[in-house]
Amino acid sequence: MPRRSVRPAALLGVAAVVAGATVAQSAGSASAAPHHRAPARHVLLISVDGLHQSDLAWYVARHPGSALAALVGGGVEYTHAATTSPSDSFPGMVAQATGGGPGTTGVYYDDTYNAALLPAGTTACAGVKPGVEVDLTEDLDRNQASIDAGQGLSGLPASILSMTGHPSDLLNAAKLPVDPKTCKPVYPHSYLKVNTVFEVARAAGLRTAWSDKHAAYEILSGPSGTGVQDLFTPEINSDAIGYAPGDDWTKDNKATEQYDGYKVRAVLNEIDGYDHSRTHKVGTPAVFGLNLQSVSTAQKLPSSNGLKGGYAAKNVPGPLLEKNLDFVDAQIGALTAEIRKRHLAGSTTVILSAKHGQSPADPAALTRVDDGPLLDGLNAAWKKLHPQAGDLVVHAVDDDAMLLWLSDRSRAATDFAKAYLLAQNGTGTDINAAPKAFTRGGLDKVYAGEAAADYFGVKPGDARVPDIFGMAQYGVVYTGGVKKIAEHGGAHADDLNVPLVVSGASVPGGVRDTAPVQTKQIAPTILSLLGLDPRALQAVRAEHTKSLPVR
């Protein structure tokens, strides 16, 4: 059996610390009625972006008295959990909230293309050619330079907790794609094809809250637009006040920690029964949580605050990353301590995971490849054969995977793109910025046209699916410089293998489960913990997603 109980002596003293740490409440049936007695009243979901299962194991082994060790020792640790492919923040988080992968949810990345919607700003829709970028990043904010996304708060960033809990109001509708049927802007929540745990919980009369990095995370409210009652989304890619001019909160790791601290404070307020701003007494949410970004920036930055970023060797955190693991441990310690202080430990279940990993976790494997010349060359080669044609690539997203949407979606065009990319050899840079050769466009495997649609389980010609999905060779990061040493988006183990721990109320302690699981199973698990029917989730029904074997 892959599931076994493990109670190392070092953990025995801390396992009880988080017993019942967080509570997740989910809707039970399609009508949101409970289908069994709820093991928990609250579920706190914590996503530590970039965190690998190997990072968690490394840290707990060296810090047996830590909050992370207590969380692991007080629950079930799934040691072979995988996030979505592509391993990006948006499909990763949406999977945790819906129980579905990109083909079902329609969310492939934070910046994609849709061949059926109309360009942003369209007001007279008759006769307009479809095809538009679907951007879920800071670019949608009214003011992307401000941490409040353009709300206009004074005294920032100290006043950021006064930010609205309804960030859809902060999106610039003129930047949204337009539905040709209604000729109205398509907001992120209405772009999502399936419902979320937040909607199911609300239908059951339960309170919901979440905190994330862009206003566009209002997508988590689901198609109804009402799933998350209190959504706190300080803009991470805004100007970091108090740091180098022009830098956002990800360019200096100390700034990222400060930014994460705001979201932790918001959740502490929610644990105490207030809204995120601590203005209104509303009760502790049934489903709530946050994402943390500091580990991700510590993995990506070559250095920050005088410390070297990334990994010292394969799966061995370097000094900046180790510092950030300490930081995350302290934040989780603060959250679980507050749960105990408020006498919620017996009714709360905590779930720890990550939207995505980060690759490579081996510095020697890094090969930075500038994707600009690759795409320019592809377009030039296509136009040489088709003098009357425009660019073949209409949209591209390349991190440590390559997603391309083409102007010509025929088999001839997708096969051409695949063959061209795999024929390209060149020179990139290694971890020390020294020249390093690459082959095959830095790609290991390429799914083109119908094969890409099959990979994601959708019909060929689907308006959202990329025409080219290229999996990079291990260590390849597409970037036009030397400011990154890792990225995500691909399907390597370093991208996919994230932690997954369920700890607290009604969960047995000290259990290590080595069977393969997926982070999309978090969604039905949340509902089960709250006594609600997981099949109230449309993606769960479509993909037959099972709850995690918690008990």
Protein backbone atom coordinates (compact mmCIF):
# COMPACT_ATOMS: atom_id res chain seq x y z
CA MET A 1 0.00 0.00 0.00
CA PRO A 2 1.34 3.47 -0.83
CA ARG A 3 -0.35 4.96 2.22
CA ARG A 4 1.31 4.52 5.58
CA SER A 5 1.37 6.20 8.94
CA VAL A 6 4.63 7.87 9.84
CA ARG A 7 5.22 9.45 13.22
CA PRO A 8 8.88 10.37 13.51
CA ALA A 9 9.91 11.03 17.07
CA ALA A 10 10.82 14.59 16.15
CA LEU A 11 7.24 15.26 15.05
CA LEU A 12 5.40 13.68 17.96
CA GLY A 13 5.72 16.81 20.03
CA VAL A 14 4.40 19.10 17.34
CA ALA A 15 1.76 17.00 15.62
CA ALA A 16 -0.93 18.14 18.01
CA VAL A 17 -0.09 21.80 17.50
CA VAL A 18 -2.19 22.06 14.35
CA ALA A 19 -4.79 19.44 15.09
CA GLY A 20 -7.85 20.77 13.33
CA ALA A 21 -5.90 23.70 11.97
CA THR A 22 -8.22 24.83 9.16
CA VAL A 23 -11.75 24.23 8.14
CA ALA A 24 -13.01 23.97 4.60
CA GLN A 25 -16.71 24.32 3.91
CA SER A 26 -18.10 23.15 0.58
CA ALA A 27 -21.50 22.71 -0.98
CA GLY A 28 -22.84 19.18 -0.95
CA SER A 29 -25.11 18.43 -3.84
CA ALA A 30 -26.04 20.24 -6.99
CA SER A 31 -28.57 22.01 -4.80
CA ALA A 32 -25.78 22.71 -2.28
CA ALA A 33 -27.39 20.60 0.42
CA PRO A 34 -25.10 18.78 2.87
CA HIS A 35 -24.77 15.08 2.10
CA HIS A 36 -23.12 13.98 5.34
CA ARG A 37 -22.10 15.36 8.70
CA ALA A 38 -19.38 17.96 8.21
CA PRO A 39 -15.99 16.92 9.63
CA ALA A 40 -14.94 20.59 9.63
CA ARG A 41 -16.52 24.03 9.76
CA HIS A 42 -13.64 25.91 8.15
CA VAL A 43 -11.01 25.08 5.52
CA LEU A 44 -7.96 27.28 5.15
CA LEU A 45 -6.16 26.77 1.83
CA ILE A 46 -2.57 28.02 1.58
CA SER A 47 -0.79 28.05 -1.78
CA VAL A 48 2.95 28.71 -1.66
CA ASP A 49 3.79 29.43 -5.28
CA GLY A 50 6.93 27.66 -6.48
CA LEU A 51 7.18 25.32 -3.49
CA HIS A 52 8.21 21.76 -4.35
CA GLN A 53 7.50 18.66 -2.31
CA SER A 54 11.29 18.27 -2.13
CA ASP A 55 11.56 21.76 -0.57
CA LEU A 56 9.02 20.85 2.09
CA ALA A 57 10.76 17.55 2.87
CA TRP A 58 14.17 19.26 3.00
CA TYR A 59 12.90 21.93 5.39
CA VAL A 60 10.97 19.65 7.73
CA ALA A 61 13.94 17.28 8.04
CA ARG A 62 16.13 20.18 9.18
CA HIS A 63 13.51 21.96 11.29
CA PRO A 64 11.51 19.31 13.17
CA GLY A 65 10.12 21.91 15.55
CA SER A 66 8.83 24.20 12.82
CA ALA A 67 5.25 25.12 11.96
CA LEU A 68 5.63 23.28 8.66
CA ALA A 69 6.74 20.15 10.51
CA ALA A 70 3.73 20.49 12.79
CA LEU A 71 1.43 20.81 9.82
CA VAL A 72 2.87 17.68 8.21
CA GLY A 73 2.92 15.75 11.47
CA GLY A 74 -0.67 16.67 12.25
CA GLY A 75 -2.18 15.45 9.01
CA VAL A 76 -1.84 13.54 5.75
CA GLU A 77 1.10 14.35 3.47
CA TYR A 78 0.70 13.34 -0.18
CA THR A 79 4.27 13.00 -1.37
CA HIS A 80 3.51 12.49 -5.07
CA ALA A 81 1.11 15.33 -5.84
CA ALA A 82 1.10 17.05 -9.23
CA THR A 83 -0.34 20.37 -10.34
CA THR A 84 -1.77 21.14 -13.77
CA SER A 85 0.00 21.21 -17.10
CA PRO A 86 0.60 23.97 -18.09
CA SER A 87 1.92 24.64 -14.61
CA ASP A 88 0.93 28.30 -14.45
CA SER A 89 -0.68 30.25 -11.61
CA PHE A 90 -4.10 30.64 -13.20
CA PRO A 91 -4.79 27.06 -14.35
CA GLY A 92 -3.15 25.83 -11.14
CA MET A 93 -5.34 27.91 -8.84
CA VAL A 94 -8.47 27.39 -10.90
CA ALA A 95 -7.94 23.62 -10.70
CA GLN A 96 -7.76 23.78 -6.90
CA ALA A 97 -11.02 25.75 -6.84
CA THR A 98 -12.95 23.75 -9.46
CA GLY A 99 -11.57 20.22 -9.64
CA GLY A 100 -10.79 20.55 -13.35
CA GLY A 101 -7.85 20.93 -15.71
CA PRO A 102 -7.42 23.54 -18.45
CA GLY A 103 -9.44 21.68 -21.08
CA THR A 104 -12.47 21.65 -18.79
CA THR A 105 -12.11 25.07 -17.17
CA GLY A 106 -11.00 26.85 -20.35
CA VAL A 107 -8.11 28.49 -18.48
CA TYR A 108 -4.71 27.56 -19.94
CA TYR A 109 -2.47 30.37 -18.67
CA ASP A 110 -2.64 33.88 -17.27
CA ASP A 111 -2.26 35.32 -20.78
CA THR A 112 -3.83 33.42 -23.68
CA TYR A 113 -5.81 33.86 -26.89
CA ASN A 114 -9.39 33.16 -27.91
CA ALA A 115 -10.29 32.71 -31.56
CA ALA A 116 -14.02 33.30 -31.00
CA LEU A 117 -14.17 36.47 -28.91
CA LEU A 118 -13.84 39.99 -30.29
CA PRO A 119 -11.02 42.48 -29.64
CA ALA A 120 -11.13 44.51 -26.44
CA GLY A 121 -12.89 47.83 -26.80
CA THR A 122 -15.26 46.63 -29.54
CA THR A 123 -18.61 48.42 -29.23
CA ALA A 124 -20.13 47.75 -32.67
CA CYS A 125 -19.80 44.01 -33.06
CA ALA A 126 -21.41 43.26 -36.43
CA GLY A 127 -18.82 42.13 -38.97
CA VAL A 128 -15.86 42.35 -36.58
CA LYS A 129 -13.26 39.62 -37.09
CA PRO A 130 -12.92 37.43 -33.99
CA GLY A 131 -9.64 36.67 -32.26
CA VAL A 132 -8.28 38.40 -29.16
CA GLU A 133 -5.74 38.13 -26.38
CA VAL A 134 -7.28 37.11 -23.07
CA ASP A 135 -5.13 38.75 -20.43
CA LEU A 136 -5.58 37.90 -16.75
CA THR A 137 -2.56 39.84 -15.48
CA GLU A 138 -2.00 43.26 -13.96
CA ASP A 139 -2.64 44.76 -17.39
CA LEU A 140 -6.38 44.61 -16.65
CA ASP A 141 -6.09 46.91 -13.62
CA ARG A 142 -7.40 50.45 -13.77
CA ASN A 143 -3.94 51.47 -12.61
CA GLN A 144 -1.40 48.67 -12.71
CA ALA A 145 1.26 50.88 -11.15
CA SER A 146 -0.67 51.06 -7.86
CA ILE A 147 -0.89 48.26 -5.31
CA ASP A 148 -4.62 49.03 -4.93
CA ALA A 149 -5.08 48.47 -8.71
CA GLY A 150 -6.42 52.00 -9.11
CA GLN A 151 -8.90 52.26 -6.24
CA GLY A 152 -7.29 55.53 -5.20
CA LEU A 153 -6.49 54.86 -1.54
CA SER A 154 -4.29 57.36 0.26
CA GLY A 155 -1.39 56.38 2.49
CA LEU A 156 -0.32 53.36 0.46
CA PRO A 157 1.05 50.79 0.98
CA ALA A 158 0.25 50.96 4.71
CA SER A 159 -3.45 51.46 3.97
CA ILE A 160 -3.73 48.51 1.57
CA LEU A 161 -5.97 46.50 3.88
CA SER A 162 -8.64 49.10 3.11
CA MET A 163 -8.71 47.82 -0.47
CA THR A 164 -12.10 46.68 -1.68
CA GLY A 165 -13.16 43.07 -1.38
CA HIS A 166 -14.81 43.36 -4.82
CA PRO A 167 -11.88 43.74 -7.24
CA SER A 168 -14.02 43.32 -10.36
CA ASP A 169 -14.76 47.01 -9.81
CA LEU A 170 -11.04 47.71 -10.38
CA LEU A 171 -10.80 46.05 -13.79
CA ASN A 172 -10.66 48.25 -16.88
CA ALA A 173 -13.58 46.98 -18.97
CA ALA A 174 -12.04 48.54 -22.10
CA LYS A 175 -9.24 45.97 -21.89
CA LEU A 176 -11.54 42.95 -21.68
CA PRO A 177 -12.42 40.74 -24.67
CA VAL A 178 -15.93 41.14 -26.03
CA ASP A 179 -18.60 38.49 -26.45
CA PRO A 180 -19.86 38.61 -30.05
CA LYS A 181 -23.31 37.44 -28.95
CA THR A 182 -23.92 40.18 -26.39
CA CYS A 183 -21.34 42.74 -27.54
CA LYS A 184 -20.37 43.15 -23.88
CA PRO A 185 -17.00 42.73 -22.13
CA VAL A 186 -16.17 39.27 -20.80
CA TYR A 187 -14.97 39.50 -17.20
CA PRO A 188 -12.61 36.82 -15.87
CA HIS A 189 -15.34 35.17 -13.77
CA SER A 190 -17.59 34.78 -16.78
CA TYR A 191 -14.71 33.44 -18.88
CA LEU A 192 -14.44 30.45 -16.54
CA LYS A 193 -16.48 27.55 -17.95
CA VAL A 194 -17.33 25.78 -14.67
CA ASN A 195 -18.36 26.65 -11.11
CA THR A 196 -16.07 26.89 -8.09
CA VAL A 197 -16.00 25.69 -4.48
CA PHE A 198 -16.73 29.26 -3.43
CA GLU A 199 -20.02 29.26 -5.33
CA VAL A 200 -21.03 25.88 -3.93
CA ALA A 201 -20.22 27.02 -0.40
CA ARG A 202 -22.23 30.20 -0.82
CA ALA A 203 -25.20 28.25 -2.14
CA ALA A 204 -25.07 26.30 1.13
CA GLY A 205 -25.16 29.54 3.13
CA LEU A 206 -21.46 29.50 4.04
CA ARG A 207 -19.07 32.46 4.07
CA THR A 208 -16.14 32.66 1.63
CA ALA A 209 -12.96 34.70 1.29
CA TRP A 210 -9.70 34.61 -0.66
CA SER A 211 -6.54 36.66 -1.14
CA ASP A 212 -4.38 36.66 -4.28
CA LYS A 213 -2.04 38.74 -6.44
CA HIS A 214 -4.17 40.33 -9.21
CA ALA A 215 -7.66 41.79 -9.38
CA ALA A 216 -8.28 39.31 -12.21
CA TYR A 217 -8.43 36.56 -9.59
CA GLU A 218 -12.08 37.53 -9.36
CA ILE A 219 -12.24 34.56 -11.74
CA LEU A 220 -12.48 32.44 -8.58
CA SER A 221 -15.95 33.83 -7.94
CA GLY A 222 -17.05 31.60 -10.83
CA PRO A 223 -19.57 32.21 -13.61
CA SER A 224 -22.09 33.67 -11.15
CA GLY A 225 -19.57 36.34 -10.18
CA THR A 226 -20.62 36.00 -6.53
CA GLY A 227 -18.61 33.04 -5.19
CA VAL A 228 -16.02 34.93 -3.15
CA GLN A 229 -17.62 37.37 -0.74
CA ASP A 230 -14.37 38.97 0.42
CA LEU A 231 -11.63 38.94 -2.25
CA PHE A 232 -8.45 40.83 -1.32
CA THR A 233 -6.11 41.28 -4.31
CA PRO A 234 -3.26 43.74 -3.80
CA GLU A 235 -1.42 44.06 -7.13
CA ILE A 236 1.95 42.33 -6.94
CA ASN A 237 3.25 43.81 -10.19
CA SER A 238 2.61 47.39 -9.12
CA ASP A 239 5.35 49.84 -8.19
CA ALA A 240 6.92 48.73 -4.92
CA ILE A 241 6.80 51.84 -2.77
CA GLY A 242 10.01 52.26 -0.78
CA TYR A 243 12.14 50.20 -3.15
CA ALA A 244 14.11 50.96 -6.31
CA PRO A 245 12.13 53.18 -8.70
CA GLY A 246 10.38 51.16 -11.37
CA ASP A 247 10.64 47.86 -9.49
CA ASP A 248 7.52 45.91 -8.64
CA TRP A 249 7.05 43.73 -5.56
CA THR A 250 8.72 40.74 -7.25
CA LYS A 251 12.05 42.37 -8.13
CA ASP A 252 13.33 42.56 -4.55
CA ASN A 253 12.69 39.56 -2.34
CA LYS A 254 12.35 41.72 0.77
CA ALA A 255 9.57 43.57 -1.04
CA THR A 256 7.85 40.28 -1.86
CA GLU A 257 7.92 39.31 1.80
CA GLN A 258 6.39 42.67 2.72
CA TYR A 259 3.73 42.15 0.07
CA ASP A 260 2.94 38.63 1.32
CA GLY A 261 2.66 40.05 4.81
CA TYR A 262 -0.35 42.14 3.80
CA LYS A 263 -2.24 39.05 2.69
CA VAL A 264 -1.32 37.19 5.86
CA ARG A 265 -2.69 40.07 7.91
CA ALA A 266 -5.90 39.91 5.90
CA VAL A 267 -6.33 36.21 6.67
CA LEU A 268 -5.51 36.75 10.34
CA ASN A 269 -8.35 39.27 10.43
CA GLU A 270 -10.65 36.69 8.82
CA ILE A 271 -9.65 34.04 11.35
CA ASP A 272 -10.66 36.55 14.02
CA GLY A 273 -14.11 36.79 12.44
CA TYR A 274 -13.70 40.07 10.57
CA ASP A 275 -13.54 40.91 6.89
CA HIS A 276 -10.02 41.29 5.47
CA SER A 277 -9.88 44.98 6.43
CA ARG A 278 -10.92 44.26 10.04
CA THR A 279 -13.78 46.71 9.57
CA HIS A 280 -16.84 44.46 9.79
CA LYS A 281 -17.51 41.52 12.09
CA VAL A 282 -18.77 38.82 9.72
CA GLY A 283 -17.62 35.50 11.17
CA THR A 284 -14.75 33.24 10.20
CA PRO A 285 -15.20 32.02 6.62
CA ALA A 286 -15.92 28.40 5.83
CA VAL A 287 -13.65 28.47 2.75
CA PHE A 288 -10.78 30.94 2.75
CA GLY A 289 -7.07 31.28 2.18
CA LEU A 290 -4.28 32.96 0.29
CA ASN A 291 -1.29 32.52 -1.95
CA LEU A 292 2.29 33.42 -0.98
CA GLN A 293 4.84 34.65 -3.53
CA SER A 294 8.16 35.05 -1.73
CA VAL A 295 9.41 31.50 -2.38
CA SER A 296 8.75 31.97 -6.09
CA THR A 297 10.80 35.14 -6.34
CA ALA A 298 13.60 33.58 -4.28
CA GLN A 299 13.73 30.76 -6.83
CA LYS A 300 13.72 33.09 -9.84
CA LEU A 301 16.03 35.92 -8.81
CA PRO A 302 19.79 35.35 -9.30
CA SER A 303 20.34 37.30 -6.08
CA SER A 304 18.51 39.67 -3.75
CA ASN A 305 19.32 41.38 -0.44
CA GLY A 306 22.91 40.17 -0.74
CA LEU A 307 21.88 36.50 -0.92
CA LYS A 308 22.17 34.14 -3.86
CA GLY A 309 18.84 32.98 -5.24
CA GLY A 310 17.69 29.61 -6.45
CA TYR A 311 19.29 26.31 -5.53
CA ALA A 312 22.84 25.58 -4.40
CA ALA A 313 22.62 22.11 -5.98
CA LYS A 314 19.84 19.84 -7.22
CA ASN A 315 16.92 20.25 -4.76
CA VAL A 316 19.17 21.98 -2.20
CA PRO A 317 17.85 25.49 -1.45
CA GLY A 318 20.37 28.31 -1.65
CA PRO A 319 20.62 31.02 1.03
CA LEU A 320 17.85 33.29 -0.31
CA LEU A 321 15.43 30.42 -0.76
CA GLU A 322 16.25 28.97 2.65
CA LYS A 323 15.55 32.40 4.16
CA ASN A 324 12.19 32.43 2.40
CA LEU A 325 11.29 28.97 3.62
CA ASP A 326 11.88 30.36 7.11
CA PHE A 327 9.61 33.27 6.21
CA VAL A 328 6.82 30.99 4.97
CA ASP A 329 7.19 28.84 8.07
CA ALA A 330 6.75 31.92 10.25
CA GLN A 331 3.61 33.00 8.35
CA ILE A 332 2.04 29.55 8.65
CA GLY A 333 2.98 29.53 12.31
CA ALA A 334 1.20 32.85 12.79
CA LEU A 335 -1.94 31.59 11.04
CA THR A 336 -2.14 28.31 12.95
CA ALA A 337 -1.40 30.08 16.24
CA GLU A 338 -4.29 32.46 15.61
CA ILE A 339 -6.57 29.50 14.86
CA ARG A 340 -5.68 28.01 18.23
CA LYS A 341 -6.03 31.36 19.97
CA ARG A 342 -9.57 31.70 18.64
CA HIS A 343 -10.41 28.13 19.71
CA LEU A 344 -10.95 27.05 16.10
CA ALA A 345 -8.40 24.24 15.98
CA GLY A 346 -11.03 21.57 16.51
CA SER A 347 -13.16 22.79 13.63
CA THR A 348 -10.58 23.88 11.05
CA THR A 349 -8.69 21.92 8.41
CA VAL A 350 -5.61 23.42 6.76
CA ILE A 351 -4.60 22.47 3.23
CA LEU A 352 -1.09 23.36 2.06
CA SER A 353 -0.13 23.16 -1.60
CA ALA A 354 1.15 25.26 -4.53
CA LYS A 355 -0.28 26.48 -7.81
CA HIS A 356 2.94 25.45 -9.52
CA GLY A 357 6.55 24.46 -8.94
CA GLN A 358 9.60 26.07 -10.55
CA SER A 359 12.21 24.71 -12.96
CA PRO A 360 15.04 23.95 -12.91
CA ALA A 361 15.79 23.07 -9.30
CA ASP A 362 19.27 22.16 -10.50
CA PRO A 363 21.35 25.29 -11.29
CA ALA A 364 23.71 23.32 -13.50
CA ALA A 365 20.82 22.49 -15.84
CA LEU A 366 19.82 26.09 -16.58
CA THR A 367 19.83 27.14 -20.24
CA ARG A 368 18.34 30.56 -20.92
CA VAL A 369 16.99 30.84 -24.46
CA ASP A 370 15.75 34.07 -26.03
CA ASP A 371 12.43 33.11 -27.61
CA GLY A 372 12.14 36.37 -29.55
CA PRO A 373 14.43 35.34 -32.43
CA LEU A 374 12.78 31.90 -32.57
CA LEU A 375 9.32 33.39 -33.08
CA ASP A 376 10.55 36.10 -35.44
CA GLY A 377 12.26 33.44 -37.51
CA LEU A 378 9.12 31.30 -37.58
CA ASN A 379 7.03 34.22 -38.81
CA ALA A 380 9.61 35.16 -41.43
CA ALA A 381 9.86 31.59 -42.72
CA TRP A 382 6.07 31.34 -43.01
CA LYS A 383 5.76 34.63 -44.88
CA LYS A 384 8.55 33.62 -47.24
CA LEU A 385 6.40 30.66 -48.31
CA HIS A 386 3.18 32.69 -48.16
CA PRO A 387 4.04 36.26 -49.33
CA GLN A 388 0.49 37.50 -48.85
CA ALA A 389 0.20 36.17 -45.31
CA GLY A 390 0.72 38.03 -42.06
CA ASP A 391 2.55 36.68 -39.04
CA LEU A 392 1.77 33.06 -38.32
CA VAL A 393 2.04 33.54 -34.54
CA VAL A 394 -0.72 35.79 -33.25
CA HIS A 395 0.00 35.15 -29.57
CA ALA A 396 2.76 33.44 -27.62
CA VAL A 397 3.44 32.63 -23.98
CA ASP A 398 6.87 31.14 -23.30
CA ASP A 399 8.28 30.52 -19.81
CA ASP A 400 9.61 26.97 -19.51
CA ALA A 401 6.99 25.79 -21.96
CA MET A 402 5.91 27.27 -25.29
CA LEU A 403 2.24 28.00 -26.01
CA LEU A 404 1.50 29.44 -29.45
CA TRP A 405 -1.76 30.50 -31.09
CA LEU A 406 -1.60 30.75 -34.88
CA SER A 407 -3.38 32.86 -37.48
CA ASP A 408 -3.69 29.76 -39.67
CA ARG A 409 -4.92 26.76 -37.67
CA SER A 410 -4.70 24.26 -40.51
CA ARG A 411 -2.68 21.07 -40.17
CA ALA A 412 -0.21 22.39 -42.74
CA ALA A 413 0.43 25.48 -40.62
CA THR A 414 0.71 23.71 -37.27
CA ASP A 415 3.00 21.04 -38.76
CA PHE A 416 5.13 23.79 -40.30
CA ALA A 417 5.48 25.57 -36.96
CA LYS A 418 6.44 22.37 -35.17
CA ALA A 419 9.03 21.39 -37.79
CA TYR A 420 10.56 24.87 -37.85
CA LEU A 421 10.95 25.12 -34.08
CA LEU A 422 12.49 21.65 -33.73
CA ALA A 423 15.04 22.50 -36.44
CA GLN A 424 16.45 25.50 -34.58
CA ASN A 425 19.81 25.33 -32.80
CA GLY A 426 21.60 28.22 -31.17
CA THR A 427 23.33 29.64 -28.14
CA GLY A 428 21.79 30.71 -24.87
CA THR A 429 23.33 31.31 -21.46
CA ASP A 430 23.99 29.17 -18.39
CA ILE A 431 23.62 29.94 -14.69
CA ASN A 432 26.75 32.12 -14.83
CA ALA A 433 25.60 33.97 -17.98
CA ALA A 434 28.22 32.14 -20.02
CA PRO A 435 27.31 30.92 -23.53
CA LYS A 436 25.53 27.56 -23.63
CA ALA A 437 24.35 25.76 -26.75
CA PHE A 438 20.76 24.66 -27.23
CA THR A 439 19.13 22.39 -29.81
CA ARG A 440 15.63 21.83 -31.17
CA GLY A 441 14.53 25.30 -30.16
CA GLY A 442 15.04 24.26 -26.55
CA LEU A 443 12.10 21.89 -26.91
CA ASP A 444 11.78 18.27 -25.90
CA LYS A 445 8.31 17.49 -27.23
CA VAL A 446 5.85 19.47 -29.30
CA TYR A 447 2.10 18.91 -29.59
CA ALA A 448 0.73 20.59 -32.71
CA GLY A 449 -2.81 21.13 -33.93
CA GLU A 450 -5.01 18.12 -33.27
CA ALA A 451 -2.35 16.60 -31.01
CA ALA A 452 -2.44 19.72 -28.80
CA ALA A 453 -6.22 19.53 -28.60
CA ASP A 454 -6.00 15.84 -27.71
CA TYR A 455 -3.44 16.59 -25.00
CA PHE A 456 -5.92 18.88 -23.28
CA GLY A 457 -8.97 16.73 -23.99
CA VAL A 458 -10.79 19.20 -26.23
CA LYS A 459 -12.01 19.06 -29.82
CA PRO A 460 -9.70 20.27 -32.61
CA GLY A 461 -10.48 23.87 -33.45
CA ASP A 462 -11.48 24.73 -29.88
CA ALA A 463 -11.37 28.51 -29.61
CA ARG A 464 -9.16 28.55 -26.53
CA VAL A 465 -6.67 25.71 -26.92
CA PRO A 466 -3.15 26.61 -28.08
CA ASP A 467 -2.20 25.44 -31.57
CA ILE A 468 1.29 24.58 -30.38
CA PHE A 469 2.14 23.27 -26.92
CA GLY A 470 5.86 22.77 -26.61
CA MET A 471 7.46 21.15 -23.58
CA ALA A 472 10.91 22.58 -23.02
CA GLN A 473 13.98 20.48 -22.41
CA TYR A 474 14.85 20.26 -18.72
CA GLY A 475 16.60 23.43 -17.62
CA VAL A 476 15.45 25.61 -20.52
CA VAL A 477 13.92 28.94 -19.53
CA TYR A 478 12.71 31.26 -22.27
CA THR A 479 13.87 34.75 -21.41
CA GLY A 480 15.62 37.56 -23.24
CA GLY A 481 18.21 38.30 -20.57
CA VAL A 482 19.94 36.97 -17.47
CA LYS A 483 17.57 38.20 -14.75
CA LYS A 484 15.80 34.84 -14.35
CA ILE A 485 17.23 31.54 -13.23
CA ALA A 486 13.96 29.58 -13.08
CA GLU A 487 10.40 29.65 -14.40
CA HIS A 488 7.24 27.58 -14.51
CA GLY A 489 4.59 26.62 -17.02
CA GLY A 490 6.12 23.37 -18.26
CA ALA A 491 5.59 19.74 -17.42
CA HIS A 492 8.86 18.68 -15.82
CA ALA A 493 8.88 17.19 -12.35
CA ASP A 494 10.22 20.49 -11.03
CA ASP A 495 7.17 22.26 -12.49
CA LEU A 496 4.59 19.74 -11.37
CA ASN A 497 5.67 18.07 -8.13
CA VAL A 498 4.24 20.32 -5.44
CA PRO A 499 3.42 19.65 -1.79
CA LEU A 500 -0.05 18.64 -0.71
CA VAL A 501 -0.82 18.37 2.99
CA VAL A 502 -4.24 18.13 4.63
CA SER A 503 -3.98 18.72 8.35
CA GLY A 504 -6.22 19.49 11.29
CA ALA A 505 -9.83 18.78 12.17
CA SER A 506 -10.95 15.20 11.54
CA VAL A 507 -7.69 14.31 9.77
CA PRO A 508 -5.41 11.55 11.09
CA GLY A 509 -1.93 12.72 12.04
CA GLY A 510 1.42 11.53 10.81
CA VAL A 511 0.19 9.83 7.64
CA ARG A 512 2.33 9.78 4.51
CA ASP A 513 0.52 8.80 1.33
CA THR A 514 2.82 7.99 -1.60
CA ALA A 515 0.13 7.31 -4.20
CA PRO A 516 -0.04 9.77 -7.12
CA VAL A 517 -2.63 12.50 -6.61
CA GLN A 518 -3.43 15.80 -8.30
CA THR A 519 -4.00 19.26 -6.88
CA LYS A 520 -7.36 19.46 -8.63
CA GLN A 521 -8.52 16.95 -6.01
CA ILE A 522 -8.33 19.76 -3.46
CA ALA A 523 -11.67 21.15 -4.66
CA PRO A 524 -13.85 18.10 -3.98
CA THR A 525 -11.90 17.49 -0.77
CA ILE A 526 -12.84 20.94 0.52
CA LEU A 527 -16.50 20.22 -0.11
CA SER A 528 -16.31 16.79 1.51
CA LEU A 529 -14.69 18.25 4.61
CA LEU A 530 -17.54 20.73 4.88
CA GLY A 531 -20.17 18.02 4.52
CA LEU A 532 -21.13 19.13 1.01
CA ASP A 533 -21.44 17.07 -2.15
CA PRO A 534 -18.32 17.25 -4.34
CA ARG A 535 -20.49 16.49 -7.36
CA ALA A 536 -21.96 19.95 -7.04
CA LEU A 537 -18.81 20.95 -8.96
CA GLN A 538 -19.26 20.74 -12.71
CA ALA A 539 -15.60 19.92 -13.36
CA VAL A 540 -15.72 17.11 -10.80
CA ARG A 541 -18.56 15.54 -12.73
CA ALA A 542 -16.88 16.10 -16.09
CA GLU A 543 -13.48 14.70 -15.10
CA HIS A 544 -14.60 12.26 -12.39
CA THR A 545 -12.26 14.01 -9.96
CA LYS A 546 -12.07 12.18 -6.65
CA SER A 547 -11.68 13.65 -3.19
CA LEU A 548 -8.33 12.98 -1.55
CA PRO A 549 -8.27 9.89 0.71
CA VAL A 550 -8.11 11.92 3.90
CA ARG A 551 -9.74 9.54 6.36
